[in-house]
Amino acid sequence: MLILEDPLIYTMRGKITGLAAQSRLPSMWVYRDSVEVGGLMSYGPDRRQIYRRAAEFVDKILKGTKPAELPVEQPTKFELVINIKTANALGLMVPPTLLALADEVIE
């Protein structure tokens, strides 16, 4: 099950991961927060980096740069997070090569 997050989904992520586990459905998320509460894995932009870049933009604007002069940016750092505890509960074997590629493995 692939879950694309929005504010409502984010608010309900604990309930969704619980229902997915109850239904024995592996769940793939965009952000790591959902994997930390029981989702199987996530692959998406690193929110911390996005927030840091946003703070840098705010700083530039407060120092007088016009917003129209700032470049449009896309995330450059993505992270793969795997919850091995969830994988074991679902009876899934995560290949060692995938675990090696993960930025973080939650046990």
PDB file of N, CA and C in Angstrom:
ATOM      1  N   MET A   1       0.853  -1.151   0.000  1.00  0.00           N
ATOM      2  CA  MET A   1       0.000   0.000   0.000  1.00  0.00           C
ATOM      3  C   MET A   1       0.907   1.225   0.000  1.00  0.00           C
ATOM      4  N   LEU A   2       0.718   2.098  -0.964  1.00  0.00           N
ATOM      5  CA  LEU A   2       1.491   3.338  -1.071  1.00  0.00           C
ATOM      6  C   LEU A   2       0.633   4.481  -0.560  1.00  0.00           C
ATOM      7  N   ILE A   3       1.160   5.203   0.423  1.00  0.00           N
ATOM      8  CA  ILE A   3       0.412   6.303   1.008  1.00  0.00           C
ATOM      9  C   ILE A   3       1.128   7.601   0.706  1.00  0.00           C
ATOM     10  N   LEU A   4       0.451   8.481  -0.028  1.00  0.00           N
ATOM     11  CA  LEU A   4       0.966   9.818  -0.289  1.00  0.00           C
ATOM     12  C   LEU A   4       0.364  10.724   0.762  1.00  0.00           C
ATOM     13  N   GLU A   5       1.206  11.413   1.486  1.00  0.00           N
ATOM     14  CA  GLU A   5       0.726  12.132   2.656  1.00  0.00           C
ATOM     15  C   GLU A   5       0.174  13.514   2.350  1.00  0.00           C
ATOM     16  N   ASP A   6      -0.828  13.862   3.130  1.00  0.00           N
ATOM     17  CA  ASP A   6      -1.364  15.209   3.201  1.00  0.00           C
ATOM     18  C   ASP A   6      -1.683  15.440   4.681  1.00  0.00           C
ATOM     19  N   PRO A   7      -2.138  16.607   5.081  1.00  0.00           N
ATOM     20  CA  PRO A   7      -2.348  16.858   6.509  1.00  0.00           C
ATOM     21  C   PRO A   7      -3.282  15.855   7.194  1.00  0.00           C
ATOM     22  N   LEU A   8      -4.353  15.448   6.551  1.00  0.00           N
ATOM     23  CA  LEU A   8      -5.279  14.494   7.163  1.00  0.00           C
ATOM     24  C   LEU A   8      -4.614  13.131   7.333  1.00  0.00           C
ATOM     25  N   ILE A   9      -3.946  12.669   6.286  1.00  0.00           N
ATOM     26  CA  ILE A   9      -3.247  11.375   6.361  1.00  0.00           C
ATOM     27  C   ILE A   9      -2.176  11.427   7.446  1.00  0.00           C
ATOM     28  N   TYR A  10      -1.446  12.548   7.507  1.00  0.00           N
ATOM     29  CA  TYR A  10      -0.383  12.673   8.511  1.00  0.00           C
ATOM     30  C   TYR A  10      -0.967  12.575   9.918  1.00  0.00           C
ATOM     31  N   THR A  11      -2.097  13.221  10.137  1.00  0.00           N
ATOM     32  CA  THR A  11      -2.746  13.179  11.448  1.00  0.00           C
ATOM     33  C   THR A  11      -3.193  11.764  11.808  1.00  0.00           C
ATOM     34  N   MET A  12      -3.610  10.991  10.812  1.00  0.00           N
ATOM     35  CA  MET A  12      -4.153   9.658  11.047  1.00  0.00           C
ATOM     36  C   MET A  12      -3.117   8.549  10.821  1.00  0.00           C
ATOM     37  N   ARG A  13      -1.822   8.879  10.686  1.00  0.00           N
ATOM     38  CA  ARG A  13      -0.827   7.881  10.307  1.00  0.00           C
ATOM     39  C   ARG A  13      -0.729   6.725  11.296  1.00  0.00           C
ATOM     40  N   GLY A  14      -0.886   6.985  12.576  1.00  0.00           N
ATOM     41  CA  GLY A  14      -0.840   5.908  13.564  1.00  0.00           C
ATOM     42  C   GLY A  14      -1.978   4.916  13.360  1.00  0.00           C
ATOM     43  N   LYS A  15      -3.158   5.436  13.134  1.00  0.00           N
ATOM     44  CA  LYS A  15      -4.327   4.577  12.889  1.00  0.00           C
ATOM     45  C   LYS A  15      -4.166   3.806  11.585  1.00  0.00           C
ATOM     46  N   ILE A  16      -3.661   4.480  10.547  1.00  0.00           N
ATOM     47  CA  ILE A  16      -3.481   3.824   9.247  1.00  0.00           C
ATOM     48  C   ILE A  16      -2.447   2.716   9.335  1.00  0.00           C
ATOM     49  N   THR A  17      -1.328   2.977  10.011  1.00  0.00           N
ATOM     50  CA  THR A  17      -0.309   1.923  10.138  1.00  0.00           C
ATOM     51  C   THR A  17      -0.848   0.754  10.954  1.00  0.00           C
ATOM     52  N   GLY A  18      -1.663   1.048  11.964  1.00  0.00           N
ATOM     53  CA  GLY A  18      -2.264  -0.023  12.752  1.00  0.00           C
ATOM     54  C   GLY A  18      -3.213  -0.883  11.926  1.00  0.00           C
ATOM     55  N   LEU A  19      -4.046  -0.235  11.119  1.00  0.00           N
ATOM     56  CA  LEU A  19      -4.970  -0.979  10.262  1.00  0.00           C
ATOM     57  C   LEU A  19      -4.220  -1.769   9.190  1.00  0.00           C
ATOM     58  N   ALA A  20      -3.145  -1.188   8.669  1.00  0.00           N
ATOM     59  CA  ALA A  20      -2.339  -1.900   7.669  1.00  0.00           C
ATOM     60  C   ALA A  20      -1.713  -3.148   8.292  1.00  0.00           C
ATOM     61  N   ALA A  21      -1.196  -3.016   9.501  1.00  0.00           N
ATOM     62  CA  ALA A  21      -0.597  -4.167  10.181  1.00  0.00           C
ATOM     63  C   ALA A  21      -1.653  -5.234  10.471  1.00  0.00           C
ATOM     64  N   GLN A  22      -2.815  -4.800  10.912  1.00  0.00           N
ATOM     65  CA  GLN A  22      -3.913  -5.719  11.204  1.00  0.00           C
ATOM     66  C   GLN A  22      -4.340  -6.469   9.940  1.00  0.00           C
ATOM     67  N   SER A  23      -4.298  -5.793   8.806  1.00  0.00           N
ATOM     68  CA  SER A  23      -4.668  -6.406   7.532  1.00  0.00           C
ATOM     69  C   SER A  23      -3.488  -7.085   6.843  1.00  0.00           C
ATOM     70  N   ARG A  24      -2.335  -7.039   7.487  1.00  0.00           N
ATOM     71  CA  ARG A  24      -1.096  -7.629   6.963  1.00  0.00           C
ATOM     72  C   ARG A  24      -0.716  -7.032   5.606  1.00  0.00           C
ATOM     73  N   LEU A  25      -0.879  -5.710   5.496  1.00  0.00           N
ATOM     74  CA  LEU A  25      -0.512  -4.982   4.278  1.00  0.00           C
ATOM     75  C   LEU A  25       0.790  -4.223   4.499  1.00  0.00           C
ATOM     76  N   PRO A  26       1.790  -4.465   3.699  1.00  0.00           N
ATOM     77  CA  PRO A  26       3.001  -3.638   3.788  1.00  0.00           C
ATOM     78  C   PRO A  26       2.664  -2.211   3.346  1.00  0.00           C
ATOM     79  N   SER A  27       3.207  -1.236   4.043  1.00  0.00           N
ATOM     80  CA  SER A  27       2.896   0.152   3.706  1.00  0.00           C
ATOM     81  C   SER A  27       4.167   0.939   3.402  1.00  0.00           C
ATOM     82  N   MET A  28       4.106   1.670   2.312  1.00  0.00           N
ATOM     83  CA  MET A  28       5.212   2.525   1.869  1.00  0.00           C
ATOM     84  C   MET A  28       4.762   3.962   2.015  1.00  0.00           C
ATOM     85  N   TRP A  29       5.571   4.757   2.684  1.00  0.00           N
ATOM     86  CA  TRP A  29       5.223   6.139   2.997  1.00  0.00           C
ATOM     87  C   TRP A  29       6.222   7.100   2.365  1.00  0.00           C
ATOM     88  N   VAL A  30       5.901   8.388   2.440  1.00  0.00           N
ATOM     89  CA  VAL A  30       6.797   9.412   1.912  1.00  0.00           C
ATOM     90  C   VAL A  30       7.797   9.848   2.984  1.00  0.00           C
ATOM     91  N   TYR A  31       7.344  10.001   4.219  1.00  0.00           N
ATOM     92  CA  TYR A  31       8.204  10.534   5.271  1.00  0.00           C
ATOM     93  C   TYR A  31       8.452   9.517   6.373  1.00  0.00           C
ATOM     94  N   ARG A  32       9.590   9.651   7.006  1.00  0.00           N
ATOM     95  CA  ARG A  32      10.054   8.739   8.037  1.00  0.00           C
ATOM     96  C   ARG A  32       9.146   8.683   9.261  1.00  0.00           C
ATOM     97  N   ASP A  33       8.424   9.760   9.575  1.00  0.00           N
ATOM     98  CA  ASP A  33       7.566   9.790  10.766  1.00  0.00           C
ATOM     99  C   ASP A  33       6.617   8.607  10.799  1.00  0.00           C
ATOM    100  N   SER A  34       6.090   8.254   9.647  1.00  0.00           N
ATOM    101  CA  SER A  34       5.116   7.166   9.564  1.00  0.00           C
ATOM    102  C   SER A  34       5.770   5.806   9.757  1.00  0.00           C
ATOM    103  N   VAL A  35       7.025   5.682   9.405  1.00  0.00           N
ATOM    104  CA  VAL A  35       7.754   4.430   9.631  1.00  0.00           C
ATOM    105  C   VAL A  35       8.074   4.294  11.113  1.00  0.00           C
ATOM    106  N   GLU A  36       8.326   5.410  11.764  1.00  0.00           N
ATOM    107  CA  GLU A  36       8.618   5.391  13.201  1.00  0.00           C
ATOM    108  C   GLU A  36       7.413   4.940  14.017  1.00  0.00           C
ATOM    109  N   VAL A  37       6.187   5.098  13.478  1.00  0.00           N
ATOM    110  CA  VAL A  37       4.985   4.656  14.200  1.00  0.00           C
ATOM    111  C   VAL A  37       4.440   3.339  13.673  1.00  0.00           C
ATOM    112  N   GLY A  38       5.224   2.634  12.826  1.00  0.00           N
ATOM    113  CA  GLY A  38       4.818   1.295  12.429  1.00  0.00           C
ATOM    114  C   GLY A  38       4.701   1.018  10.946  1.00  0.00           C
ATOM    115  N   GLY A  39       4.891   2.026  10.099  1.00  0.00           N
ATOM    116  CA  GLY A  39       4.875   1.770   8.661  1.00  0.00           C
ATOM    117  C   GLY A  39       6.084   0.921   8.267  1.00  0.00           C
ATOM    118  N   LEU A  40       6.011   0.252   7.139  1.00  0.00           N
ATOM    119  CA  LEU A  40       7.108  -0.621   6.719  1.00  0.00           C
ATOM    120  C   LEU A  40       8.325   0.155   6.245  1.00  0.00           C
ATOM    121  N   MET A  41       8.132   1.075   5.311  1.00  0.00           N
ATOM    122  CA  MET A  41       9.271   1.829   4.808  1.00  0.00           C
ATOM    123  C   MET A  41       8.827   3.158   4.232  1.00  0.00           C
ATOM    124  N   SER A  42       9.800   4.048   4.104  1.00  0.00           N
ATOM    125  CA  SER A  42       9.537   5.340   3.477  1.00  0.00           C
ATOM    126  C   SER A  42      10.703   5.691   2.576  1.00  0.00           C
ATOM    127  N   TYR A  43      10.376   6.407   1.528  1.00  0.00           N
ATOM    128  CA  TYR A  43      11.404   6.976   0.663  1.00  0.00           C
ATOM    129  C   TYR A  43      10.898   8.330   0.216  1.00  0.00           C
ATOM    130  N   GLY A  44      11.583   9.358   0.647  1.00  0.00           N
ATOM    131  CA  GLY A  44      11.150  10.699   0.297  1.00  0.00           C
ATOM    132  C   GLY A  44      12.162  11.727   0.717  1.00  0.00           C
ATOM    133  N   PRO A  45      11.838  12.991   0.482  1.00  0.00           N
ATOM    134  CA  PRO A  45      12.768  14.055   0.823  1.00  0.00           C
ATOM    135  C   PRO A  45      13.004  14.138   2.326  1.00  0.00           C
ATOM    136  N   ASP A  46      14.201  14.537   2.677  1.00  0.00           N
ATOM    137  CA  ASP A  46      14.569  14.715   4.082  1.00  0.00           C
ATOM    138  C   ASP A  46      13.947  16.023   4.562  1.00  0.00           C
ATOM    139  N   ARG A  47      12.945  15.925   5.415  1.00  0.00           N
ATOM    140  CA  ARG A  47      12.234  17.119   5.893  1.00  0.00           C
ATOM    141  C   ARG A  47      13.155  18.086   6.610  1.00  0.00           C
ATOM    142  N   ARG A  48      14.102  17.552   7.375  1.00  0.00           N
ATOM    143  CA  ARG A  48      15.005  18.445   8.116  1.00  0.00           C
ATOM    144  C   ARG A  48      15.775  19.345   7.156  1.00  0.00           C
ATOM    145  N   GLN A  49      16.220  18.791   6.029  1.00  0.00           N
ATOM    146  CA  GLN A  49      16.937  19.601   5.050  1.00  0.00           C
ATOM    147  C   GLN A  49      16.006  20.645   4.423  1.00  0.00           C
ATOM    148  N   ILE A  50      14.770  20.247   4.137  1.00  0.00           N
ATOM    149  CA  ILE A  50      13.803  21.179   3.560  1.00  0.00           C
ATOM    150  C   ILE A  50      13.555  22.340   4.522  1.00  0.00           C
ATOM    151  N   TYR A  51      13.383  22.043   5.814  1.00  0.00           N
ATOM    152  CA  TYR A  51      13.129  23.093   6.793  1.00  0.00           C
ATOM    153  C   TYR A  51      14.338  24.014   6.938  1.00  0.00           C
ATOM    154  N   ARG A  52      15.544  23.447   6.892  1.00  0.00           N
ATOM    155  CA  ARG A  52      16.747  24.282   6.962  1.00  0.00           C
ATOM    156  C   ARG A  52      16.821  25.237   5.776  1.00  0.00           C
ATOM    157  N   ARG A  53      16.541  24.714   4.582  1.00  0.00           N
ATOM    158  CA  ARG A  53      16.569  25.559   3.380  1.00  0.00           C
ATOM    159  C   ARG A  53      15.484  26.634   3.460  1.00  0.00           C
ATOM    160  N   ALA A  54      14.319  26.290   3.975  1.00  0.00           N
ATOM    161  CA  ALA A  54      13.250  27.272   4.127  1.00  0.00           C
ATOM    162  C   ALA A  54      13.689  28.384   5.084  1.00  0.00           C
ATOM    163  N   ALA A  55      14.361  28.009   6.169  1.00  0.00           N
ATOM    164  CA  ALA A  55      14.855  29.007   7.121  1.00  0.00           C
ATOM    165  C   ALA A  55      15.882  29.930   6.464  1.00  0.00           C
ATOM    166  N   GLU A  56      16.714  29.370   5.593  1.00  0.00           N
ATOM    167  CA  GLU A  56      17.698  30.196   4.875  1.00  0.00           C
ATOM    168  C   GLU A  56      16.989  31.189   3.947  1.00  0.00           C
ATOM    169  N   PHE A  57      15.908  30.743   3.310  1.00  0.00           N
ATOM    170  CA  PHE A  57      15.140  31.639   2.443  1.00  0.00           C
ATOM    171  C   PHE A  57      14.490  32.750   3.263  1.00  0.00           C
ATOM    172  N   VAL A  58      13.917  32.402   4.402  1.00  0.00           N
ATOM    173  CA  VAL A  58      13.301  33.411   5.273  1.00  0.00           C
ATOM    174  C   VAL A  58      14.348  34.423   5.713  1.00  0.00           C
ATOM    175  N   ASP A  59      15.523  33.946   6.071  1.00  0.00           N
ATOM    176  CA  ASP A  59      16.610  34.833   6.482  1.00  0.00           C
ATOM    177  C   ASP A  59      16.956  35.820   5.367  1.00  0.00           C
ATOM    178  N   LYS A  60      17.067  35.318   4.139  1.00  0.00           N
ATOM    179  CA  LYS A  60      17.396  36.191   3.000  1.00  0.00           C
ATOM    180  C   LYS A  60      16.299  37.228   2.764  1.00  0.00           C
ATOM    181  N   ILE A  61      15.046  36.808   2.877  1.00  0.00           N
ATOM    182  CA  ILE A  61      13.931  37.740   2.671  1.00  0.00           C
ATOM    183  C   ILE A  61      13.922  38.809   3.752  1.00  0.00           C
ATOM    184  N   LEU A  62      14.163  38.402   5.003  1.00  0.00           N
ATOM    185  CA  LEU A  62      14.194  39.373   6.100  1.00  0.00           C
ATOM    186  C   LEU A  62      15.357  40.350   5.964  1.00  0.00           C
ATOM    187  N   LYS A  63      16.403  39.937   5.248  1.00  0.00           N
ATOM    188  CA  LYS A  63      17.559  40.813   5.024  1.00  0.00           C
ATOM    189  C   LYS A  63      17.397  41.657   3.765  1.00  0.00           C
ATOM    190  N   GLY A  64      16.229  41.552   3.089  1.00  0.00           N
ATOM    191  CA  GLY A  64      15.950  42.441   1.984  1.00  0.00           C
ATOM    192  C   GLY A  64      15.878  41.822   0.603  1.00  0.00           C
ATOM    193  N   THR A  65      16.208  40.567   0.455  1.00  0.00           N
ATOM    194  CA  THR A  65      16.102  39.930  -0.860  1.00  0.00           C
ATOM    195  C   THR A  65      14.629  39.802  -1.235  1.00  0.00           C
ATOM    196  N   LYS A  66      14.323  40.144  -2.473  1.00  0.00           N
ATOM    197  CA  LYS A  66      12.945  40.011  -2.940  1.00  0.00           C
ATOM    198  C   LYS A  66      12.654  38.530  -3.207  1.00  0.00           C
ATOM    199  N   PRO A  67      11.514  38.044  -2.760  1.00  0.00           N
ATOM    200  CA  PRO A  67      11.185  36.628  -2.975  1.00  0.00           C
ATOM    201  C   PRO A  67      11.287  36.203  -4.442  1.00  0.00           C
ATOM    202  N   ALA A  68      10.939  37.090  -5.360  1.00  0.00           N
ATOM    203  CA  ALA A  68      10.998  36.755  -6.785  1.00  0.00           C
ATOM    204  C   ALA A  68      12.433  36.523  -7.265  1.00  0.00           C
ATOM    205  N   GLU A  69      13.402  37.020  -6.510  1.00  0.00           N
ATOM    206  CA  GLU A  69      14.811  36.857  -6.886  1.00  0.00           C
ATOM    207  C   GLU A  69      15.399  35.539  -6.394  1.00  0.00           C
ATOM    208  N   LEU A  70      14.681  34.842  -5.531  1.00  0.00           N
ATOM    209  CA  LEU A  70      15.174  33.573  -4.995  1.00  0.00           C
ATOM    210  C   LEU A  70      14.889  32.443  -5.982  1.00  0.00           C
ATOM    211  N   PRO A  71      15.814  31.529  -6.128  1.00  0.00           N
ATOM    212  CA  PRO A  71      15.600  30.428  -7.065  1.00  0.00           C
ATOM    213  C   PRO A  71      14.577  29.423  -6.539  1.00  0.00           C
ATOM    214  N   VAL A  72      13.903  28.783  -7.463  1.00  0.00           N
ATOM    215  CA  VAL A  72      13.021  27.678  -7.099  1.00  0.00           C
ATOM    216  C   VAL A  72      13.908  26.458  -6.902  1.00  0.00           C
ATOM    217  N   GLU A  73      13.737  25.773  -5.799  1.00  0.00           N
ATOM    218  CA  GLU A  73      14.565  24.611  -5.507  1.00  0.00           C
ATOM    219  C   GLU A  73      13.710  23.373  -5.318  1.00  0.00           C
ATOM    220  N   GLN A  74      14.312  22.254  -5.606  1.00  0.00           N
ATOM    221  CA  GLN A  74      13.696  20.969  -5.323  1.00  0.00           C
ATOM    222  C   GLN A  74      14.561  20.263  -4.291  1.00  0.00           C
ATOM    223  N   PRO A  75      13.986  19.325  -3.544  1.00  0.00           N
ATOM    224  CA  PRO A  75      14.801  18.599  -2.574  1.00  0.00           C
ATOM    225  C   PRO A  75      15.983  17.917  -3.260  1.00  0.00           C
ATOM    226  N   THR A  76      17.102  17.898  -2.556  1.00  0.00           N
ATOM    227  CA  THR A  76      18.294  17.246  -3.109  1.00  0.00           C
ATOM    228  C   THR A  76      18.697  16.025  -2.289  1.00  0.00           C
ATOM    229  N   LYS A  77      18.173  15.933  -1.081  1.00  0.00           N
ATOM    230  CA  LYS A  77      18.514  14.791  -0.228  1.00  0.00           C
ATOM    231  C   LYS A  77      17.250  13.980   0.040  1.00  0.00           C
ATOM    232  N   PHE A  78      17.309  12.711  -0.311  1.00  0.00           N
ATOM    233  CA  PHE A  78      16.202  11.796  -0.062  1.00  0.00           C
ATOM    234  C   PHE A  78      16.696  10.719   0.889  1.00  0.00           C
ATOM    235  N   GLU A  79      15.767  10.163   1.664  1.00  0.00           N
ATOM    236  CA  GLU A  79      16.172   9.128   2.610  1.00  0.00           C
ATOM    237  C   GLU A  79      15.253   7.914   2.526  1.00  0.00           C
ATOM    238  N   LEU A  80      15.872   6.767   2.683  1.00  0.00           N
ATOM    239  CA  LEU A  80      15.160   5.487   2.728  1.00  0.00           C
ATOM    240  C   LEU A  80      15.213   4.990   4.160  1.00  0.00           C
ATOM    241  N   VAL A  81      14.047   4.776   4.754  1.00  0.00           N
ATOM    242  CA  VAL A  81      13.955   4.293   6.133  1.00  0.00           C
ATOM    243  C   VAL A  81      13.125   3.017   6.121  1.00  0.00           C
ATOM    244  N   ILE A  82      13.628   1.984   6.792  1.00  0.00           N
ATOM    245  CA  ILE A  82      12.944   0.687   6.834  1.00  0.00           C
ATOM    246  C   ILE A  82      12.718   0.300   8.287  1.00  0.00           C
ATOM    247  N   ASN A  83      11.500  -0.155   8.582  1.00  0.00           N
ATOM    248  CA  ASN A  83      11.169  -0.634   9.919  1.00  0.00           C
ATOM    249  C   ASN A  83      11.230  -2.156   9.887  1.00  0.00           C
ATOM    250  N   ILE A  84      12.320  -2.712  10.378  1.00  0.00           N
ATOM    251  CA  ILE A  84      12.538  -4.165  10.320  1.00  0.00           C
ATOM    252  C   ILE A  84      11.583  -4.895  11.273  1.00  0.00           C
ATOM    253  N   LYS A  85      11.180  -4.229  12.345  1.00  0.00           N
ATOM    254  CA  LYS A  85      10.221  -4.834  13.278  1.00  0.00           C
ATOM    255  C   LYS A  85       8.882  -5.068  12.570  1.00  0.00           C
ATOM    256  N   THR A  86       8.441  -4.095  11.788  1.00  0.00           N
ATOM    257  CA  THR A  86       7.198  -4.236  11.029  1.00  0.00           C
ATOM    258  C   THR A  86       7.347  -5.323   9.972  1.00  0.00           C
ATOM    259  N   ALA A  87       8.497  -5.350   9.300  1.00  0.00           N
ATOM    260  CA  ALA A  87       8.734  -6.379   8.276  1.00  0.00           C
ATOM    261  C   ALA A  87       8.633  -7.765   8.902  1.00  0.00           C
ATOM    262  N   ASN A  88       9.235  -7.951  10.068  1.00  0.00           N
ATOM    263  CA  ASN A  88       9.176  -9.255  10.747  1.00  0.00           C
ATOM    264  C   ASN A  88       7.748  -9.603  11.151  1.00  0.00           C
ATOM    265  N   ALA A  89       6.996  -8.604  11.629  1.00  0.00           N
ATOM    266  CA  ALA A  89       5.607  -8.855  12.031  1.00  0.00           C
ATOM    267  C   ALA A  89       4.747  -9.257  10.829  1.00  0.00           C
ATOM    268  N   LEU A  90       5.101  -8.754   9.645  1.00  0.00           N
ATOM    269  CA  LEU A  90       4.354  -9.101   8.433  1.00  0.00           C
ATOM    270  C   LEU A  90       4.884 -10.374   7.774  1.00  0.00           C
ATOM    271  N   GLY A  91       5.954 -10.933   8.327  1.00  0.00           N
ATOM    272  CA  GLY A  91       6.541 -12.138   7.755  1.00  0.00           C
ATOM    273  C   GLY A  91       7.330 -11.870   6.484  1.00  0.00           C
ATOM    274  N   LEU A  92       7.832 -10.654   6.348  1.00  0.00           N
ATOM    275  CA  LEU A  92       8.603 -10.287   5.158  1.00  0.00           C
ATOM    276  C   LEU A  92      10.098 -10.359   5.445  1.00  0.00           C
ATOM    277  N   MET A  93      10.855 -10.811   4.461  1.00  0.00           N
ATOM    278  CA  MET A  93      12.303 -10.820   4.575  1.00  0.00           C
ATOM    279  C   MET A  93      12.834  -9.687   3.700  1.00  0.00           C
ATOM    280  N   VAL A  94      13.434  -8.703   4.334  1.00  0.00           N
ATOM    281  CA  VAL A  94      13.990  -7.576   3.590  1.00  0.00           C
ATOM    282  C   VAL A  94      15.386  -7.982   3.133  1.00  0.00           C
ATOM    283  N   PRO A  95      15.660  -7.905   1.845  1.00  0.00           N
ATOM    284  CA  PRO A  95      16.974  -8.307   1.343  1.00  0.00           C
ATOM    285  C   PRO A  95      18.099  -7.500   2.000  1.00  0.00           C
ATOM    286  N   PRO A  96      19.202  -8.165   2.325  1.00  0.00           N
ATOM    287  CA  PRO A  96      20.323  -7.471   2.962  1.00  0.00           C
ATOM    288  C   PRO A  96      20.845  -6.291   2.139  1.00  0.00           C
ATOM    289  N   THR A  97      20.785  -6.399   0.822  1.00  0.00           N
ATOM    290  CA  THR A  97      21.264  -5.282  -0.004  1.00  0.00           C
ATOM    291  C   THR A  97      20.378  -4.048   0.163  1.00  0.00           C
ATOM    292  N   LEU A  98      19.064  -4.254   0.334  1.00  0.00           N
ATOM    293  CA  LEU A  98      18.163  -3.127   0.566  1.00  0.00           C
ATOM    294  C   LEU A  98      18.426  -2.516   1.940  1.00  0.00           C
ATOM    295  N   LEU A  99      18.664  -3.374   2.935  1.00  0.00           N
ATOM    296  CA  LEU A  99      18.984  -2.868   4.274  1.00  0.00           C
ATOM    297  C   LEU A  99      20.282  -2.056   4.251  1.00  0.00           C
ATOM    298  N   ALA A 100      21.247  -2.516   3.451  1.00  0.00           N
ATOM    299  CA  ALA A 100      22.536  -1.810   3.344  1.00  0.00           C
ATOM    300  C   ALA A 100      22.361  -0.445   2.687  1.00  0.00           C
ATOM    301  N   LEU A 101      21.400  -0.325   1.783  1.00  0.00           N
ATOM    302  CA  LEU A 101      21.164   0.941   1.101  1.00  0.00           C
ATOM    303  C   LEU A 101      20.360   1.939   1.939  1.00  0.00           C
ATOM    304  N   ALA A 102      19.673   1.437   2.955  1.00  0.00           N
ATOM    305  CA  ALA A 102      18.798   2.285   3.761  1.00  0.00           C
ATOM    306  C   ALA A 102      19.620   3.311   4.551  1.00  0.00           C
ATOM    307  N   ASP A 103      19.054   4.506   4.673  1.00  0.00           N
ATOM    308  CA  ASP A 103      19.683   5.537   5.497  1.00  0.00           C
ATOM    309  C   ASP A 103      19.507   5.215   6.972  1.00  0.00           C
ATOM    310  N   GLU A 104      18.405   4.552   7.286  1.00  0.00           N
ATOM    311  CA  GLU A 104      18.162   4.139   8.674  1.00  0.00           C
ATOM    312  C   GLU A 104      17.304   2.889   8.677  1.00  0.00           C
ATOM    313  N   VAL A 105      17.635   1.974   9.583  1.00  0.00           N
ATOM    314  CA  VAL A 105      16.843   0.765   9.798  1.00  0.00           C
ATOM    315  C   VAL A 105      16.344   0.835  11.237  1.00  0.00           C
ATOM    316  N   ILE A 106      15.031   0.859  11.390  1.00  0.00           N
ATOM    317  CA  ILE A 106      14.423   0.911  12.721  1.00  0.00           C
ATOM    318  C   ILE A 106      14.186  -0.516  13.175  1.00  0.00           C
ATOM    319  N   GLU A 107      14.691  -0.824  14.366  1.00  0.00           N
ATOM    320  CA  GLU A 107      14.546  -2.206  14.861  1.00  0.00           C
ATOM    321  C   GLU A 107      13.594  -2.277  15.990  1.00  0.00           C
TER     322      GLU A 107
END
